[in-house]
């Protein structure tokens, strides 16, 4: 089958739509890195970054196993998350390690690109309304995510220029109405 990734700003509907798509296509939705919200507090600097990278690599391995079983793997959120570094800059002391991590994992085929990215979007007022009505999550980084909507769009547009056909942009209500 294939591996696809749904990404976009907080409250755009990545989780609900990844579950809908996976259910409709008899695939598997692979949620945001398990425990990413529960990073051990004692980890800082590169140790913290390494912990997060390992969690993302585990998600990729899970997606590959799903694909090998003949089912669609739907990643909820980009497992590379490089746009955070693109927008905010590298955490001091992690740039070289981050690049080495991805370079080595790509060469060893322990991580890869999905067959297609679907980048979801919605008006800011819609995102704010969804955030307020969702009692299942605190979304404590919501304002930070709102601030980087446009840079994330540029990141994925640049990716589409380099790899035509890899990225599709959708309004999140389009996905909801067709899934």
Foldseek 3Di string as FASTA:
>chain_A
DWEEEEAAFAQQCLVVLLVVVCVVQVADEQEQQVCLVPQPPVDDDQRSVVVLLVSLLVSQVVQVVRVVVVHYYYYRHDSLPCLVCVPPNDDPPCPVVSVVSVVVCVVVVSHDATQAYEYEDDDPVSSVVSQVVDPPDVPPCRVVRVVCRVSVVVVVVVVCVVPPPRYHYDHSVVSVVPD
